[in-house]
């Protein structure tokens, strides 16, 4: 989390909303009176953030100095302890906004047209369910497909059925 600069707090009715951006993301809004716009914009710029003054909707009533921090932005407080599923790789969950397992390469030990990886992913939202992410890469292009666990279970059976129909059999640990 980055520290939000403290704007002046005069208590007069705010007439300007200043959008505060970090890393191309709207992270907060500061509300100020006309007399403090330049000061707040300068304080925000010194903190390394982008400030964009915009008008206020007529039905919004805020005092000068009021700041609203969006819970999804980089200025929001992080949870005290982020609980990880047992399969989570635990690196950079907050930055990615999801848990991820290590990617497992689908490797046949032969040259293939596509490189395919499979991994578990889960959003950090408390009610989120784990999903299976398939990623294929050919040259510089990549494509991902995210499936529910239920879809993945059915896919497993469909693939086994297709392998049986194709006559694929293990041959000394290799499928032929």
Protein backbone atom coordinates (compact mmCIF):
# COMPACT_ATOMS: atom_id res chain seq x y z
CA UNK A 1 0.00 0.00 0.00
CA UNK A 2 1.18 3.50 -0.79
CA UNK A 3 0.59 6.32 1.66
CA UNK A 4 -2.07 8.79 0.66
CA UNK A 5 -0.96 12.43 1.09
CA UNK A 6 -3.02 14.45 3.56
CA UNK A 7 -4.95 17.22 1.81
CA UNK A 8 -5.85 20.45 3.61
CA UNK A 9 -9.03 20.17 5.65
CA UNK A 10 -10.91 23.47 5.78
CA UNK A 11 -14.39 21.97 6.13
CA UNK A 12 -15.99 24.23 3.52
CA UNK A 13 -18.28 22.52 1.01
CA UNK A 14 -16.27 20.80 -1.71
CA UNK A 15 -16.82 22.00 -5.27
CA UNK A 16 -14.14 19.94 -7.05
CA UNK A 17 -13.46 16.20 -7.09
CA UNK A 18 -9.84 15.26 -7.77
CA UNK A 19 -9.30 11.75 -9.10
CA UNK A 20 -6.08 10.19 -7.78
CA UNK A 21 -4.36 7.66 -10.02
CA UNK A 22 -1.49 5.25 -9.39
CA UNK A 23 -0.26 2.89 -12.10
CA UNK A 24 -3.06 3.89 -14.51
CA UNK A 25 -5.69 2.91 -11.93
CA UNK A 26 -8.24 5.19 -10.28
CA UNK A 27 -7.42 4.58 -6.61
CA UNK A 28 -9.08 7.43 -4.71
CA UNK A 29 -10.99 10.71 -4.99
CA UNK A 30 -10.19 13.81 -2.97
CA UNK A 31 -12.86 16.47 -2.54
CA UNK A 32 -11.82 20.09 -2.14
CA UNK A 33 -13.04 23.65 -2.30
CA UNK A 34 -11.94 25.87 -5.19
CA UNK A 35 -9.27 27.54 -3.02
CA UNK A 36 -7.43 24.29 -2.30
CA UNK A 37 -7.41 22.65 -5.76
CA UNK A 38 -3.88 23.77 -6.67
CA UNK A 39 -2.51 22.84 -3.23
CA UNK A 40 -4.07 19.34 -3.25
CA UNK A 41 -2.94 18.72 -6.84
CA UNK A 42 0.64 19.69 -5.88
CA UNK A 43 0.63 17.48 -2.75
CA UNK A 44 -0.62 14.53 -4.78
CA UNK A 45 2.00 15.09 -7.51
CA UNK A 46 4.80 15.21 -4.90
CA UNK A 47 3.60 11.83 -3.64
CA UNK A 48 4.19 10.39 -7.14
CA UNK A 49 0.55 10.12 -8.06
CA UNK A 50 -1.47 11.64 -10.90
CA UNK A 51 -4.21 14.11 -9.95
CA UNK A 52 -7.06 14.95 -12.32
CA UNK A 53 -9.51 17.63 -11.13
CA UNK A 54 -13.04 17.06 -12.42
CA UNK A 55 -16.41 18.58 -11.68
CA UNK A 56 -18.72 17.28 -9.01
CA UNK A 57 -22.22 15.99 -9.54
CA UNK A 58 -24.77 18.45 -8.12
CA UNK A 59 -26.22 15.89 -5.70
CA UNK A 60 -22.85 15.09 -4.03
CA UNK A 61 -22.22 16.79 -0.70
CA UNK A 62 -18.68 16.46 0.68
CA UNK A 63 -16.53 18.74 2.86
CA UNK A 64 -13.19 20.06 1.63
CA UNK A 65 -10.49 17.56 2.57
CA UNK A 66 -12.67 14.45 2.37
CA UNK A 67 -10.93 11.50 0.62
CA UNK A 68 -12.58 8.31 -0.59
CA UNK A 69 -10.18 5.39 -1.15
CA UNK A 70 -11.47 2.66 -3.47
CA UNK A 71 -11.12 -0.78 -1.82
CA UNK A 72 -9.81 -2.33 -5.05
CA UNK A 73 -7.01 0.20 -5.58
CA UNK A 74 -3.37 0.21 -4.54
CA UNK A 75 -4.06 2.68 -1.72
CA UNK A 76 -6.52 0.36 0.04
CA UNK A 77 -5.53 -1.45 3.20
CA UNK A 78 -4.43 -5.01 2.58
CA UNK A 79 -6.05 -7.73 4.66
CA UNK A 80 -4.08 -8.40 7.84
CA UNK A 81 -3.45 -12.01 6.88
CA UNK A 82 -4.23 -13.32 3.47
CA UNK A 83 -5.15 -16.97 3.82
CA UNK A 84 -3.83 -19.14 1.02
CA UNK A 85 -5.21 -22.43 -0.27
CA UNK A 86 -2.75 -25.30 0.23
CA UNK A 87 -1.99 -25.36 -3.53
CA UNK A 88 -1.18 -21.61 -3.80
CA UNK A 89 2.33 -20.66 -4.90
CA UNK A 90 2.01 -17.60 -2.55
CA UNK A 91 4.08 -15.23 -4.69
CA UNK A 92 2.44 -11.91 -5.54
CA UNK A 93 -1.17 -12.95 -4.81
CA UNK A 94 -2.11 -9.34 -3.93
CA UNK A 95 -0.59 -7.90 -7.11
CA UNK A 96 -2.32 -10.45 -9.35
CA UNK A 97 -5.53 -10.30 -7.27
CA UNK A 98 -5.69 -14.10 -7.33
CA UNK A 99 -4.12 -17.24 -5.90
CA UNK A 100 -2.26 -19.42 -8.42
CA UNK A 101 -0.74 -22.85 -8.25
CA UNK A 102 2.50 -23.58 -10.04
CA UNK A 103 1.87 -24.05 -13.75
CA UNK A 104 2.19 -27.65 -14.85
CA UNK A 105 3.59 -28.11 -18.35
CA UNK A 106 1.70 -30.52 -20.62
CA UNK A 107 4.86 -32.14 -21.99
CA UNK A 108 4.89 -35.15 -24.32
CA UNK A 109 8.70 -35.18 -24.64
CA UNK A 110 8.20 -34.60 -28.37
CA UNK A 111 8.09 -31.41 -30.43
CA UNK A 112 4.55 -29.99 -30.42
CA UNK A 113 2.93 -27.06 -32.22
CA UNK A 114 1.80 -25.49 -28.92
CA UNK A 115 3.26 -25.22 -25.45
CA UNK A 116 0.43 -25.93 -22.98
CA UNK A 117 0.39 -25.23 -19.24
CA UNK A 118 -2.34 -25.94 -16.71
CA UNK A 119 -2.78 -24.33 -13.26
CA UNK A 120 -5.31 -23.68 -10.53
CA UNK A 121 -6.43 -20.07 -9.99
CA UNK A 122 -8.79 -18.48 -7.48
CA UNK A 123 -9.82 -14.85 -7.01
CA UNK A 124 -9.05 -13.34 -3.60
CA UNK A 125 -12.76 -12.73 -2.98
CA UNK A 126 -13.88 -14.84 0.02
CA UNK A 127 -16.66 -16.56 -1.95
CA UNK A 128 -14.50 -17.35 -4.99
CA UNK A 129 -14.15 -20.95 -6.12
CA UNK A 130 -10.96 -22.48 -7.56
CA UNK A 131 -10.83 -22.64 -11.35
CA UNK A 132 -8.52 -24.41 -13.81
CA UNK A 133 -6.58 -22.24 -16.27
CA UNK A 134 -5.26 -23.75 -19.51
CA UNK A 135 -2.72 -21.61 -21.32
CA UNK A 136 -1.34 -22.34 -24.77
CA UNK A 137 1.54 -20.52 -26.42
CA UNK A 138 2.60 -20.61 -30.05
CA UNK A 139 5.40 -18.30 -31.05
CA UNK A 140 4.70 -14.97 -29.34
CA UNK A 141 0.92 -15.46 -29.03
CA UNK A 142 -0.72 -16.87 -25.92
CA UNK A 143 -4.31 -17.79 -25.18
CA UNK A 144 -5.92 -18.81 -21.89
CA UNK A 145 -9.11 -20.64 -21.06
CA UNK A 146 -10.49 -20.72 -17.52
CA UNK A 147 -12.80 -23.61 -16.60
CA UNK A 148 -14.76 -24.36 -13.46
CA UNK A 149 -13.75 -27.46 -11.52
CA UNK A 150 -16.98 -29.10 -12.70
CA UNK A 151 -16.19 -28.38 -16.36
CA UNK A 152 -12.67 -29.71 -15.84
CA UNK A 153 -13.98 -32.93 -14.31
CA UNK A 154 -16.28 -33.51 -17.31
CA UNK A 155 -13.44 -32.59 -19.69
CA UNK A 156 -11.26 -35.24 -18.03
CA UNK A 157 -13.84 -37.92 -18.78
CA UNK A 158 -14.42 -36.67 -22.34
CA UNK A 159 -10.67 -36.71 -23.04
CA UNK A 160 -10.35 -40.25 -21.64
CA UNK A 161 -13.22 -41.32 -23.90
CA UNK A 162 -11.62 -39.69 -26.95
CA UNK A 163 -8.27 -41.34 -26.18
CA UNK A 164 -10.03 -44.72 -25.99
CA UNK A 165 -11.77 -44.06 -29.32
CA UNK A 166 -8.47 -43.06 -30.92
CA UNK A 167 -6.90 -46.31 -29.75
CA UNK A 168 -4.23 -44.55 -27.71
CA UNK A 169 -2.57 -47.00 -25.33
CA UNK A 170 0.35 -46.72 -22.94
CA UNK A 171 3.53 -48.09 -24.49
CA UNK A 172 6.31 -48.36 -21.90
CA UNK A 173 5.08 -45.20 -20.18
CA UNK A 174 4.45 -43.39 -23.48
CA UNK A 175 1.11 -43.05 -25.22
CA UNK A 176 1.04 -44.25 -28.82
